[in-house]
Amino acid sequence: MAKESMKAREVKRAKMAAKYANKRAALKEIVRKGEPAEAFEAAQKLQDLPLNSKPSRQHNRCKLTGRPKGYMRMFGLSRIQFREMASQGLIPGVRKASW
Protein backbone atom coordinates (compact mmCIF):
# COMPACT_ATOMS: atom_id res chain seq x y z
CA MET A 1 0.00 0.00 0.00
CA ALA A 2 1.23 3.46 -0.84
CA LYS A 3 1.48 6.08 1.85
CA GLU A 4 -1.66 8.16 2.25
CA SER A 5 0.39 11.32 1.77
CA MET A 6 1.49 10.15 -1.69
CA LYS A 7 -2.09 9.41 -2.71
CA ALA A 8 -3.22 12.79 -1.38
CA ARG A 9 -0.43 14.53 -3.28
CA GLU A 10 -1.63 13.01 -6.56
CA VAL A 11 -5.21 14.11 -5.84
CA LYS A 12 -3.96 17.61 -5.12
CA ARG A 13 -2.00 17.67 -8.39
CA ALA A 14 -5.05 16.53 -10.36
CA LYS A 15 -7.22 19.27 -8.84
CA MET A 16 -4.60 21.94 -9.47
CA ALA A 17 -4.08 20.83 -13.08
CA ALA A 18 -7.83 21.03 -13.69
CA LYS A 19 -8.02 24.45 -12.04
CA TYR A 20 -5.28 26.01 -14.19
CA ALA A 21 -5.97 24.11 -17.45
CA ASN A 22 -7.80 26.94 -19.24
CA LYS A 23 -5.34 29.61 -18.14
CA ARG A 24 -2.37 27.46 -19.12
CA ALA A 25 -3.88 26.69 -22.55
CA ALA A 26 -4.58 30.38 -23.24
CA LEU A 27 -1.03 31.40 -22.32
CA LYS A 28 0.45 28.62 -24.44
CA GLU A 29 -1.62 29.79 -27.41
CA ILE A 30 -0.27 33.33 -27.00
CA VAL A 31 3.28 31.99 -26.82
CA ARG A 32 2.74 30.03 -30.04
CA LYS A 33 0.88 32.63 -32.12
CA GLY A 34 1.46 36.00 -30.50
CA GLU A 35 3.95 38.70 -31.35
CA PRO A 36 7.40 38.32 -29.74
CA ALA A 37 6.73 40.87 -26.98
CA GLU A 38 3.37 39.31 -26.10
CA ALA A 39 4.84 35.82 -26.31
CA PHE A 40 7.61 36.76 -23.89
CA GLU A 41 5.10 38.16 -21.39
CA ALA A 42 2.91 35.06 -21.70
CA ALA A 43 5.93 32.81 -21.19
CA GLN A 44 6.81 34.71 -18.02
CA LYS A 45 3.25 34.30 -16.72
CA LEU A 46 3.34 30.62 -17.64
CA GLN A 47 6.48 30.18 -15.56
CA ASP A 48 4.84 31.92 -12.61
CA LEU A 49 2.04 29.33 -12.43
CA PRO A 50 2.46 26.64 -9.75
CA LEU A 51 4.58 23.67 -10.80
CA ASN A 52 1.90 21.18 -9.76
CA SER A 53 -0.52 22.76 -12.21
CA LYS A 54 1.32 21.00 -15.04
CA PRO A 55 -0.53 17.89 -16.19
CA SER A 56 2.81 16.18 -16.87
CA ARG A 57 3.58 16.09 -13.14
CA GLN A 58 0.71 13.72 -12.45
CA HIS A 59 1.47 10.03 -12.12
CA ASN A 60 -0.97 7.16 -12.62
CA ARG A 61 -1.63 5.15 -9.48
CA CYS A 62 -3.61 2.01 -8.71
CA LYS A 63 -7.14 2.87 -7.56
CA LEU A 64 -7.04 0.24 -4.81
CA THR A 65 -3.52 0.31 -3.42
CA GLY A 66 -1.97 3.51 -4.76
CA ARG A 67 0.95 1.61 -6.30
CA PRO A 68 2.66 3.82 -8.91
CA LYS A 69 4.47 1.12 -10.88
CA GLY A 70 2.98 -1.62 -13.02
CA TYR A 71 -0.15 0.44 -13.71
CA MET A 72 -2.61 -0.80 -16.34
CA ARG A 73 -4.50 2.14 -17.84
CA MET A 74 -7.36 0.14 -19.23
CA PHE A 75 -8.37 -1.03 -15.75
CA GLY A 76 -6.87 1.62 -13.46
CA LEU A 77 -5.15 -1.08 -11.40
CA SER A 78 -1.63 -2.24 -10.73
CA ARG A 79 -0.53 -5.52 -12.27
CA ILE A 80 -0.73 -7.26 -8.89
CA GLN A 81 -4.30 -6.21 -8.15
CA PHE A 82 -5.29 -6.95 -11.73
CA ARG A 83 -3.96 -10.51 -11.50
CA GLU A 84 -5.68 -11.16 -8.17
CA MET A 85 -9.03 -9.78 -9.35
CA ALA A 86 -8.83 -11.60 -12.69
CA SER A 87 -8.10 -14.90 -10.93
CA GLN A 88 -11.13 -14.38 -8.69
CA GLY A 89 -13.30 -13.50 -11.70
CA LEU A 90 -14.00 -9.95 -10.53
CA ILE A 91 -13.10 -8.28 -13.83
CA PRO A 92 -15.72 -8.83 -16.54
CA GLY A 93 -14.40 -10.23 -19.82
CA VAL A 94 -11.03 -11.24 -18.39
CA ARG A 95 -10.03 -14.77 -17.60
CA LYS A 96 -6.74 -16.49 -16.98
CA ALA A 97 -5.24 -18.13 -20.03
CA SER A 98 -4.41 -21.81 -19.90
CA TRP A 99 -2.95 -24.00 -22.61
PDB file of N, CA and C in Angstrom:
ATOM      1  N   MET A   1       0.833  -1.180   0.000  1.00  0.00           N
ATOM      2  CA  MET A   1       0.000   0.000   0.000  1.00  0.00           C
ATOM      3  C   MET A   1       0.884   1.252   0.000  1.00  0.00           C
ATOM      4  N   ALA A   2       0.509   2.205  -0.795  1.00  0.00           N
ATOM      5  CA  ALA A   2       1.233   3.462  -0.835  1.00  0.00           C
ATOM      6  C   ALA A   2       0.868   4.297   0.392  1.00  0.00           C
ATOM      7  N   LYS A   3       1.766   5.197   0.726  1.00  0.00           N
ATOM      8  CA  LYS A   3       1.478   6.080   1.850  1.00  0.00           C
ATOM      9  C   LYS A   3       0.308   6.990   1.490  1.00  0.00           C
ATOM     10  N   GLU A   4      -0.494   7.301   2.469  1.00  0.00           N
ATOM     11  CA  GLU A   4      -1.657   8.158   2.248  1.00  0.00           C
ATOM     12  C   GLU A   4      -1.234   9.541   1.752  1.00  0.00           C
ATOM     13  N   SER A   5      -0.074  10.004   2.201  1.00  0.00           N
ATOM     14  CA  SER A   5       0.389  11.322   1.774  1.00  0.00           C
ATOM     15  C   SER A   5       0.699  11.338   0.276  1.00  0.00           C
ATOM     16  N   MET A   6       1.188  10.217  -0.260  1.00  0.00           N
ATOM     17  CA  MET A   6       1.493  10.149  -1.687  1.00  0.00           C
ATOM     18  C   MET A   6       0.196  10.153  -2.508  1.00  0.00           C
ATOM     19  N   LYS A   7      -0.804   9.427  -2.024  1.00  0.00           N
ATOM     20  CA  LYS A   7      -2.094   9.414  -2.714  1.00  0.00           C
ATOM     21  C   LYS A   7      -2.724  10.806  -2.679  1.00  0.00           C
ATOM     22  N   ALA A   8      -2.648  11.451  -1.531  1.00  0.00           N
ATOM     23  CA  ALA A   8      -3.223  12.787  -1.380  1.00  0.00           C
ATOM     24  C   ALA A   8      -2.503  13.797  -2.271  1.00  0.00           C
ATOM     25  N   ARG A   9      -1.204  13.633  -2.423  1.00  0.00           N
ATOM     26  CA  ARG A   9      -0.427  14.529  -3.277  1.00  0.00           C
ATOM     27  C   ARG A   9      -0.881  14.421  -4.732  1.00  0.00           C
ATOM     28  N   GLU A  10      -1.159  13.210  -5.183  1.00  0.00           N
ATOM     29  CA  GLU A  10      -1.635  13.011  -6.557  1.00  0.00           C
ATOM     30  C   GLU A  10      -3.018  13.624  -6.756  1.00  0.00           C
ATOM     31  N   VAL A  11      -3.874  13.496  -5.759  1.00  0.00           N
ATOM     32  CA  VAL A  11      -5.209  14.105  -5.844  1.00  0.00           C
ATOM     33  C   VAL A  11      -5.081  15.620  -5.919  1.00  0.00           C
ATOM     34  N   LYS A  12      -4.185  16.168  -5.126  1.00  0.00           N
ATOM     35  CA  LYS A  12      -3.957  17.613  -5.117  1.00  0.00           C
ATOM     36  C   LYS A  12      -3.450  18.091  -6.479  1.00  0.00           C
ATOM     37  N   ARG A  13      -2.518  17.318  -7.071  1.00  0.00           N
ATOM     38  CA  ARG A  13      -1.997  17.672  -8.391  1.00  0.00           C
ATOM     39  C   ARG A  13      -3.089  17.635  -9.448  1.00  0.00           C
ATOM     40  N   ALA A  14      -3.965  16.647  -9.379  1.00  0.00           N
ATOM     41  CA  ALA A  14      -5.046  16.534 -10.363  1.00  0.00           C
ATOM     42  C   ALA A  14      -5.997  17.729 -10.260  1.00  0.00           C
ATOM     43  N   LYS A  15      -6.332  18.123  -9.037  1.00  0.00           N
ATOM     44  CA  LYS A  15      -7.221  19.273  -8.841  1.00  0.00           C
ATOM     45  C   LYS A  15      -6.579  20.555  -9.356  1.00  0.00           C
ATOM     46  N   MET A  16      -5.295  20.722  -9.065  1.00  0.00           N
ATOM     47  CA  MET A  16      -4.604  21.941  -9.470  1.00  0.00           C
ATOM     48  C   MET A  16      -4.463  22.000 -10.995  1.00  0.00           C
ATOM     49  N   ALA A  17      -4.197  20.862 -11.621  1.00  0.00           N
ATOM     50  CA  ALA A  17      -4.079  20.832 -13.082  1.00  0.00           C
ATOM     51  C   ALA A  17      -5.412  21.191 -13.727  1.00  0.00           C
ATOM     52  N   ALA A  18      -6.505  20.703 -13.160  1.00  0.00           N
ATOM     53  CA  ALA A  18      -7.829  21.031 -13.691  1.00  0.00           C
ATOM     54  C   ALA A  18      -8.153  22.509 -13.491  1.00  0.00           C
ATOM     55  N   LYS A  19      -7.737  23.049 -12.364  1.00  0.00           N
ATOM     56  CA  LYS A  19      -8.021  24.452 -12.035  1.00  0.00           C
ATOM     57  C   LYS A  19      -7.328  25.408 -13.015  1.00  0.00           C
ATOM     58  N   TYR A  20      -6.078  25.106 -13.361  1.00  0.00           N
ATOM     59  CA  TYR A  20      -5.283  26.007 -14.193  1.00  0.00           C
ATOM     60  C   TYR A  20      -5.266  25.615 -15.670  1.00  0.00           C
ATOM     61  N   ALA A  21      -6.027  24.619 -16.071  1.00  0.00           N
ATOM     62  CA  ALA A  21      -5.968  24.105 -17.446  1.00  0.00           C
ATOM     63  C   ALA A  21      -6.309  25.190 -18.477  1.00  0.00           C
ATOM     64  N   ASN A  22      -7.392  25.918 -18.267  1.00  0.00           N
ATOM     65  CA  ASN A  22      -7.799  26.944 -19.239  1.00  0.00           C
ATOM     66  C   ASN A  22      -6.784  28.073 -19.325  1.00  0.00           C
ATOM     67  N   LYS A  23      -6.317  28.522 -18.178  1.00  0.00           N
ATOM     68  CA  LYS A  23      -5.343  29.610 -18.143  1.00  0.00           C
ATOM     69  C   LYS A  23      -4.048  29.193 -18.825  1.00  0.00           C
ATOM     70  N   ARG A  24      -3.599  27.984 -18.538  1.00  0.00           N
ATOM     71  CA  ARG A  24      -2.367  27.463 -19.122  1.00  0.00           C
ATOM     72  C   ARG A  24      -2.506  27.331 -20.644  1.00  0.00           C
ATOM     73  N   ALA A  25      -3.653  26.855 -21.111  1.00  0.00           N
ATOM     74  CA  ALA A  25      -3.878  26.694 -22.554  1.00  0.00           C
ATOM     75  C   ALA A  25      -3.892  28.053 -23.260  1.00  0.00           C
ATOM     76  N   ALA A  26      -4.523  29.044 -22.638  1.00  0.00           N
ATOM     77  CA  ALA A  26      -4.577  30.376 -23.240  1.00  0.00           C
ATOM     78  C   ALA A  26      -3.182  30.984 -23.349  1.00  0.00           C
ATOM     79  N   LEU A  27      -2.394  30.846 -22.293  1.00  0.00           N
ATOM     80  CA  LEU A  27      -1.033  31.400 -22.320  1.00  0.00           C
ATOM     81  C   LEU A  27      -0.164  30.682 -23.352  1.00  0.00           C
ATOM     82  N   LYS A  28      -0.327  29.370 -23.453  1.00  0.00           N
ATOM     83  CA  LYS A  28       0.449  28.623 -24.443  1.00  0.00           C
ATOM     84  C   LYS A  28       0.086  29.045 -25.864  1.00  0.00           C
ATOM     85  N   GLU A  29      -1.186  29.340 -26.088  1.00  0.00           N
ATOM     86  CA  GLU A  29      -1.623  29.788 -27.413  1.00  0.00           C
ATOM     87  C   GLU A  29      -0.988  31.136 -27.755  1.00  0.00           C
ATOM     88  N   ILE A  30      -0.911  32.028 -26.780  1.00  0.00           N
ATOM     89  CA  ILE A  30      -0.275  33.330 -27.000  1.00  0.00           C
ATOM     90  C   ILE A  30       1.201  33.148 -27.301  1.00  0.00           C
ATOM     91  N   VAL A  31       1.854  32.248 -26.593  1.00  0.00           N
ATOM     92  CA  VAL A  31       3.277  31.991 -26.822  1.00  0.00           C
ATOM     93  C   VAL A  31       3.487  31.470 -28.240  1.00  0.00           C
ATOM     94  N   ARG A  32       2.581  30.603 -28.700  1.00  0.00           N
ATOM     95  CA  ARG A  32       2.741  30.025 -30.039  1.00  0.00           C
ATOM     96  C   ARG A  32       2.431  31.011 -31.165  1.00  0.00           C
ATOM     97  N   LYS A  33       1.357  31.811 -30.999  1.00  0.00           N
ATOM     98  CA  LYS A  33       0.878  32.629 -32.117  1.00  0.00           C
ATOM     99  C   LYS A  33       1.058  34.134 -31.937  1.00  0.00           C
ATOM    100  N   GLY A  34       1.384  34.567 -30.744  1.00  0.00           N
ATOM    101  CA  GLY A  34       1.460  36.002 -30.496  1.00  0.00           C
ATOM    102  C   GLY A  34       2.732  36.639 -31.022  1.00  0.00           C
ATOM    103  N   GLU A  35       2.752  37.958 -30.967  1.00  0.00           N
ATOM    104  CA  GLU A  35       3.954  38.703 -31.352  1.00  0.00           C
ATOM    105  C   GLU A  35       5.041  38.430 -30.315  1.00  0.00           C
ATOM    106  N   PRO A  36       6.293  38.658 -30.664  1.00  0.00           N
ATOM    107  CA  PRO A  36       7.397  38.321 -29.741  1.00  0.00           C
ATOM    108  C   PRO A  36       7.280  38.958 -28.357  1.00  0.00           C
ATOM    109  N   ALA A  37       6.853  40.205 -28.286  1.00  0.00           N
ATOM    110  CA  ALA A  37       6.733  40.871 -26.978  1.00  0.00           C
ATOM    111  C   ALA A  37       5.621  40.223 -26.150  1.00  0.00           C
ATOM    112  N   GLU A  38       4.476  39.963 -26.802  1.00  0.00           N
ATOM    113  CA  GLU A  38       3.366  39.307 -26.102  1.00  0.00           C
ATOM    114  C   GLU A  38       3.745  37.892 -25.688  1.00  0.00           C
ATOM    115  N   ALA A  39       4.442  37.203 -26.582  1.00  0.00           N
ATOM    116  CA  ALA A  39       4.842  35.825 -26.307  1.00  0.00           C
ATOM    117  C   ALA A  39       5.777  35.769 -25.109  1.00  0.00           C
ATOM    118  N   PHE A  40       6.677  36.732 -25.022  1.00  0.00           N
ATOM    119  CA  PHE A  40       7.609  36.760 -23.887  1.00  0.00           C
ATOM    120  C   PHE A  40       6.853  36.968 -22.581  1.00  0.00           C
ATOM    121  N   GLU A  41       5.897  37.902 -22.583  1.00  0.00           N
ATOM    122  CA  GLU A  41       5.103  38.161 -21.387  1.00  0.00           C
ATOM    123  C   GLU A  41       4.293  36.918 -20.994  1.00  0.00           C
ATOM    124  N   ALA A  42       3.707  36.262 -21.978  1.00  0.00           N
ATOM    125  CA  ALA A  42       2.910  35.061 -21.702  1.00  0.00           C
ATOM    126  C   ALA A  42       3.793  33.944 -21.157  1.00  0.00           C
ATOM    127  N   ALA A  43       5.004  33.831 -21.680  1.00  0.00           N
ATOM    128  CA  ALA A  43       5.934  32.809 -21.193  1.00  0.00           C
ATOM    129  C   ALA A  43       6.313  33.075 -19.746  1.00  0.00           C
ATOM    130  N   GLN A  44       6.490  34.347 -19.403  1.00  0.00           N
ATOM    131  CA  GLN A  44       6.808  34.707 -18.018  1.00  0.00           C
ATOM    132  C   GLN A  44       5.639  34.339 -17.091  1.00  0.00           C
ATOM    133  N   LYS A  45       4.421  34.635 -17.527  1.00  0.00           N
ATOM    134  CA  LYS A  45       3.247  34.298 -16.716  1.00  0.00           C
ATOM    135  C   LYS A  45       3.086  32.788 -16.591  1.00  0.00           C
ATOM    136  N   LEU A  46       3.420  32.081 -17.656  1.00  0.00           N
ATOM    137  CA  LEU A  46       3.344  30.618 -17.642  1.00  0.00           C
ATOM    138  C   LEU A  46       4.316  30.043 -16.619  1.00  0.00           C
ATOM    139  N   GLN A  47       5.485  30.643 -16.531  1.00  0.00           N
ATOM    140  CA  GLN A  47       6.482  30.181 -15.558  1.00  0.00           C
ATOM    141  C   GLN A  47       6.075  30.499 -14.126  1.00  0.00           C
ATOM    142  N   ASP A  48       5.263  31.530 -13.955  1.00  0.00           N
ATOM    143  CA  ASP A  48       4.842  31.919 -12.614  1.00  0.00           C
ATOM    144  C   ASP A  48       3.727  31.037 -12.053  1.00  0.00           C
ATOM    145  N   LEU A  49       3.085  30.240 -12.912  1.00  0.00           N
ATOM    146  CA  LEU A  49       2.044  29.330 -12.425  1.00  0.00           C
ATOM    147  C   LEU A  49       2.675  28.254 -11.542  1.00  0.00           C
ATOM    148  N   PRO A  50       1.907  27.691 -10.624  1.00  0.00           N
ATOM    149  CA  PRO A  50       2.456  26.640  -9.749  1.00  0.00           C
ATOM    150  C   PRO A  50       2.939  25.434 -10.552  1.00  0.00           C
ATOM    151  N   LEU A  51       4.015  24.822 -10.097  1.00  0.00           N
ATOM    152  CA  LEU A  51       4.575  23.667 -10.805  1.00  0.00           C
ATOM    153  C   LEU A  51       3.591  22.509 -10.860  1.00  0.00           C
ATOM    154  N   ASN A  52       2.835  22.299  -9.792  1.00  0.00           N
ATOM    155  CA  ASN A  52       1.905  21.178  -9.762  1.00  0.00           C
ATOM    156  C   ASN A  52       0.674  21.395 -10.634  1.00  0.00           C
ATOM    157  N   SER A  53       0.590  22.552 -11.299  1.00  0.00           N
ATOM    158  CA  SER A  53      -0.524  22.764 -12.211  1.00  0.00           C
ATOM    159  C   SER A  53      -0.226  22.176 -13.588  1.00  0.00           C
ATOM    160  N   LYS A  54       0.980  21.655 -13.772  1.00  0.00           N
ATOM    161  CA  LYS A  54       1.324  21.002 -15.040  1.00  0.00           C
ATOM    162  C   LYS A  54       0.733  19.598 -15.052  1.00  0.00           C
ATOM    163  N   PRO A  55       0.030  19.248 -16.121  1.00  0.00           N
ATOM    164  CA  PRO A  55      -0.526  17.891 -16.188  1.00  0.00           C
ATOM    165  C   PRO A  55       0.559  16.819 -16.244  1.00  0.00           C
ATOM    166  N   SER A  56       1.740  17.174 -16.737  1.00  0.00           N
ATOM    167  CA  SER A  56       2.812  16.182 -16.868  1.00  0.00           C
ATOM    168  C   SER A  56       3.384  15.761 -15.516  1.00  0.00           C
ATOM    169  N   ARG A  57       3.053  16.468 -14.462  1.00  0.00           N
ATOM    170  CA  ARG A  57       3.576  16.092 -13.143  1.00  0.00           C
ATOM    171  C   ARG A  57       2.719  15.040 -12.452  1.00  0.00           C
ATOM    172  N   GLN A  58       1.572  14.742 -13.028  1.00  0.00           N
ATOM    173  CA  GLN A  58       0.712  13.717 -12.446  1.00  0.00           C
ATOM    174  C   GLN A  58       1.259  12.338 -12.786  1.00  0.00           C
ATOM    175  N   HIS A  59       1.008  11.395 -11.906  1.00  0.00           N
ATOM    176  CA  HIS A  59       1.466  10.028 -12.116  1.00  0.00           C
ATOM    177  C   HIS A  59       0.293   9.093 -11.881  1.00  0.00           C
ATOM    178  N   ASN A  60       0.126   8.121 -12.779  1.00  0.00           N
ATOM    179  CA  ASN A  60      -0.966   7.163 -12.617  1.00  0.00           C
ATOM    180  C   ASN A  60      -0.706   6.265 -11.425  1.00  0.00           C
ATOM    181  N   ARG A  61      -1.742   6.025 -10.639  1.00  0.00           N
ATOM    182  CA  ARG A  61      -1.631   5.150  -9.482  1.00  0.00           C
ATOM    183  C   ARG A  61      -2.809   4.186  -9.450  1.00  0.00           C
ATOM    184  N   CYS A  62      -2.576   3.019  -8.870  1.00  0.00           N
ATOM    185  CA  CYS A  62      -3.614   2.010  -8.714  1.00  0.00           C
ATOM    186  C   CYS A  62      -4.745   2.586  -7.859  1.00  0.00           C
ATOM    187  N   LYS A  63      -5.979   2.344  -8.287  1.00  0.00           N
ATOM    188  CA  LYS A  63      -7.140   2.869  -7.559  1.00  0.00           C
ATOM    189  C   LYS A  63      -7.313   2.206  -6.193  1.00  0.00           C
ATOM    190  N   LEU A  64      -6.854   0.968  -6.064  1.00  0.00           N
ATOM    191  CA  LEU A  64      -7.040   0.239  -4.806  1.00  0.00           C
ATOM    192  C   LEU A  64      -5.890   0.430  -3.832  1.00  0.00           C
ATOM    193  N   THR A  65      -4.673   0.300  -4.319  1.00  0.00           N
ATOM    194  CA  THR A  65      -3.521   0.311  -3.423  1.00  0.00           C
ATOM    195  C   THR A  65      -2.697   1.576  -3.502  1.00  0.00           C
ATOM    196  N   GLY A  66      -2.784   2.314  -4.602  1.00  0.00           N
ATOM    197  CA  GLY A  66      -1.975   3.513  -4.764  1.00  0.00           C
ATOM    198  C   GLY A  66      -0.599   3.220  -5.325  1.00  0.00           C
ATOM    199  N   ARG A  67      -0.360   1.989  -5.756  1.00  0.00           N
ATOM    200  CA  ARG A  67       0.950   1.610  -6.296  1.00  0.00           C
ATOM    201  C   ARG A  67       1.214   2.371  -7.598  1.00  0.00           C
ATOM    202  N   PRO A  68       2.387   3.031  -7.726  1.00  0.00           N
ATOM    203  CA  PRO A  68       2.662   3.823  -8.913  1.00  0.00           C
ATOM    204  C   PRO A  68       3.237   3.026 -10.084  1.00  0.00           C
ATOM    205  N   LYS A  69       3.822   1.883  -9.813  1.00  0.00           N
ATOM    206  CA  LYS A  69       4.465   1.116 -10.878  1.00  0.00           C
ATOM    207  C   LYS A  69       3.592  -0.060 -11.289  1.00  0.00           C
ATOM    208  N   GLY A  70       3.748  -0.502 -12.528  1.00  0.00           N
ATOM    209  CA  GLY A  70       2.976  -1.622 -13.021  1.00  0.00           C
ATOM    210  C   GLY A  70       1.510  -1.275 -13.180  1.00  0.00           C
ATOM    211  N   TYR A  71       1.223  -0.053 -13.587  1.00  0.00           N
ATOM    212  CA  TYR A  71      -0.153   0.443 -13.713  1.00  0.00           C
ATOM    213  C   TYR A  71      -0.718   0.054 -15.071  1.00  0.00           C
ATOM    214  N   MET A  72      -1.937  -0.444 -15.096  1.00  0.00           N
ATOM    215  CA  MET A  72      -2.612  -0.803 -16.335  1.00  0.00           C
ATOM    216  C   MET A  72      -3.729   0.211 -16.576  1.00  0.00           C
ATOM    217  N   ARG A  73      -3.566   1.054 -17.575  1.00  0.00           N
ATOM    218  CA  ARG A  73      -4.501   2.143 -17.836  1.00  0.00           C
ATOM    219  C   ARG A  73      -5.917   1.680 -18.089  1.00  0.00           C
ATOM    220  N   MET A  74      -6.041   0.607 -18.832  1.00  0.00           N
ATOM    221  CA  MET A  74      -7.362   0.140 -19.231  1.00  0.00           C
ATOM    222  C   MET A  74      -8.247  -0.196 -18.032  1.00  0.00           C
ATOM    223  N   PHE A  75      -7.620  -0.611 -16.938  1.00  0.00           N
ATOM    224  CA  PHE A  75      -8.367  -1.029 -15.754  1.00  0.00           C
ATOM    225  C   PHE A  75      -8.167  -0.107 -14.560  1.00  0.00           C
ATOM    226  N   GLY A  76      -7.135   0.727 -14.573  1.00  0.00           N
ATOM    227  CA  GLY A  76      -6.870   1.619 -13.458  1.00  0.00           C
ATOM    228  C   GLY A  76      -6.310   0.900 -12.247  1.00  0.00           C
ATOM    229  N   LEU A  77      -5.684  -0.251 -12.491  1.00  0.00           N
ATOM    230  CA  LEU A  77      -5.150  -1.076 -11.404  1.00  0.00           C
ATOM    231  C   LEU A  77      -3.680  -1.386 -11.650  1.00  0.00           C
ATOM    232  N   SER A  78      -2.999  -1.757 -10.572  1.00  0.00           N
ATOM    233  CA  SER A  78      -1.633  -2.240 -10.732  1.00  0.00           C
ATOM    234  C   SER A  78      -1.686  -3.679 -11.214  1.00  0.00           C
ATOM    235  N   ARG A  79      -0.575  -4.167 -11.715  1.00  0.00           N
ATOM    236  CA  ARG A  79      -0.532  -5.520 -12.269  1.00  0.00           C
ATOM    237  C   ARG A  79      -0.863  -6.566 -11.218  1.00  0.00           C
ATOM    238  N   ILE A  80      -0.493  -6.303  -9.975  1.00  0.00           N
ATOM    239  CA  ILE A  80      -0.727  -7.262  -8.894  1.00  0.00           C
ATOM    240  C   ILE A  80      -2.219  -7.363  -8.592  1.00  0.00           C
ATOM    241  N   GLN A  81      -2.866  -6.220  -8.426  1.00  0.00           N
ATOM    242  CA  GLN A  81      -4.301  -6.215  -8.146  1.00  0.00           C
ATOM    243  C   GLN A  81      -5.081  -6.762  -9.332  1.00  0.00           C
ATOM    244  N   PHE A  82      -4.623  -6.441 -10.544  1.00  0.00           N
ATOM    245  CA  PHE A  82      -5.293  -6.951 -11.734  1.00  0.00           C
ATOM    246  C   PHE A  82      -5.259  -8.469 -11.748  1.00  0.00           C
ATOM    247  N   ARG A  83      -4.105  -9.054 -11.464  1.00  0.00           N
ATOM    248  CA  ARG A  83      -3.962 -10.510 -11.495  1.00  0.00           C
ATOM    249  C   ARG A  83      -4.844 -11.181 -10.443  1.00  0.00           C
ATOM    250  N   GLU A  84      -4.851 -10.599  -9.244  1.00  0.00           N
ATOM    251  CA  GLU A  84      -5.684 -11.163  -8.171  1.00  0.00           C
ATOM    252  C   GLU A  84      -7.167 -11.091  -8.528  1.00  0.00           C
ATOM    253  N   MET A  85      -7.609  -9.948  -9.016  1.00  0.00           N
ATOM    254  CA  MET A  85      -9.027  -9.781  -9.346  1.00  0.00           C
ATOM    255  C   MET A  85      -9.424 -10.638 -10.546  1.00  0.00           C
ATOM    256  N   ALA A  86      -8.524 -10.764 -11.521  1.00  0.00           N
ATOM    257  CA  ALA A  86      -8.826 -11.600 -12.687  1.00  0.00           C
ATOM    258  C   ALA A  86      -8.922 -13.063 -12.284  1.00  0.00           C
ATOM    259  N   SER A  87      -8.067 -13.509 -11.386  1.00  0.00           N
ATOM    260  CA  SER A  87      -8.100 -14.897 -10.933  1.00  0.00           C
ATOM    261  C   SER A  87      -9.389 -15.193 -10.163  1.00  0.00           C
ATOM    262  N   GLN A  88      -9.905 -14.206  -9.457  1.00  0.00           N
ATOM    263  CA  GLN A  88     -11.135 -14.379  -8.690  1.00  0.00           C
ATOM    264  C   GLN A  88     -12.383 -14.167  -9.553  1.00  0.00           C
ATOM    265  N   GLY A  89     -12.178 -13.731 -10.802  1.00  0.00           N
ATOM    266  CA  GLY A  89     -13.299 -13.503 -11.700  1.00  0.00           C
ATOM    267  C   GLY A  89     -14.032 -12.207 -11.445  1.00  0.00           C
ATOM    268  N   LEU A  90     -13.357 -11.220 -10.871  1.00  0.00           N
ATOM    269  CA  LEU A  90     -14.003  -9.949 -10.528  1.00  0.00           C
ATOM    270  C   LEU A  90     -13.970  -8.926 -11.660  1.00  0.00           C
ATOM    271  N   ILE A  91     -13.190  -9.200 -12.707  1.00  0.00           N
ATOM    272  CA  ILE A  91     -13.099  -8.275 -13.827  1.00  0.00           C
ATOM    273  C   ILE A  91     -13.847  -8.888 -15.011  1.00  0.00           C
ATOM    274  N   PRO A  92     -14.926  -8.267 -15.451  1.00  0.00           N
ATOM    275  CA  PRO A  92     -15.716  -8.832 -16.543  1.00  0.00           C
ATOM    276  C   PRO A  92     -14.909  -8.930 -17.838  1.00  0.00           C
ATOM    277  N   GLY A  93     -15.056 -10.042 -18.527  1.00  0.00           N
ATOM    278  CA  GLY A  93     -14.403 -10.227 -19.818  1.00  0.00           C
ATOM    279  C   GLY A  93     -12.954 -10.644 -19.744  1.00  0.00           C
ATOM    280  N   VAL A  94     -12.434 -10.851 -18.548  1.00  0.00           N
ATOM    281  CA  VAL A  94     -11.033 -11.243 -18.391  1.00  0.00           C
ATOM    282  C   VAL A  94     -10.988 -12.593 -17.698  1.00  0.00           C
ATOM    283  N   ARG A  95     -10.219 -13.497 -18.280  1.00  0.00           N
ATOM    284  CA  ARG A  95     -10.027 -14.767 -17.601  1.00  0.00           C
ATOM    285  C   ARG A  95      -8.590 -15.212 -17.822  1.00  0.00           C
ATOM    286  N   LYS A  96      -8.122 -16.037 -16.936  1.00  0.00           N
ATOM    287  CA  LYS A  96      -6.738 -16.494 -16.979  1.00  0.00           C
ATOM    288  C   LYS A  96      -6.575 -17.461 -18.138  1.00  0.00           C
ATOM    289  N   ALA A  97      -5.511 -17.254 -18.896  1.00  0.00           N
ATOM    290  CA  ALA A  97      -5.235 -18.130 -20.027  1.00  0.00           C
ATOM    291  C   ALA A  97      -4.663 -19.451 -19.538  1.00  0.00           C
ATOM    292  N   SER A  98      -5.006 -20.521 -20.224  1.00  0.00           N
ATOM    293  CA  SER A  98      -4.410 -21.814 -19.904  1.00  0.00           C
ATOM    294  C   SER A  98      -4.312 -22.615 -21.180  1.00  0.00           C
ATOM    295  N   TRP A  99      -3.143 -23.164 -21.434  1.00  0.00           N
ATOM    296  CA  TRP A  99      -2.951 -24.002 -22.606  1.00  0.00           C
ATOM    297  C   TRP A  99      -1.887 -25.027 -22.366  1.00  0.00           C
TER     298      TRP A  99
END
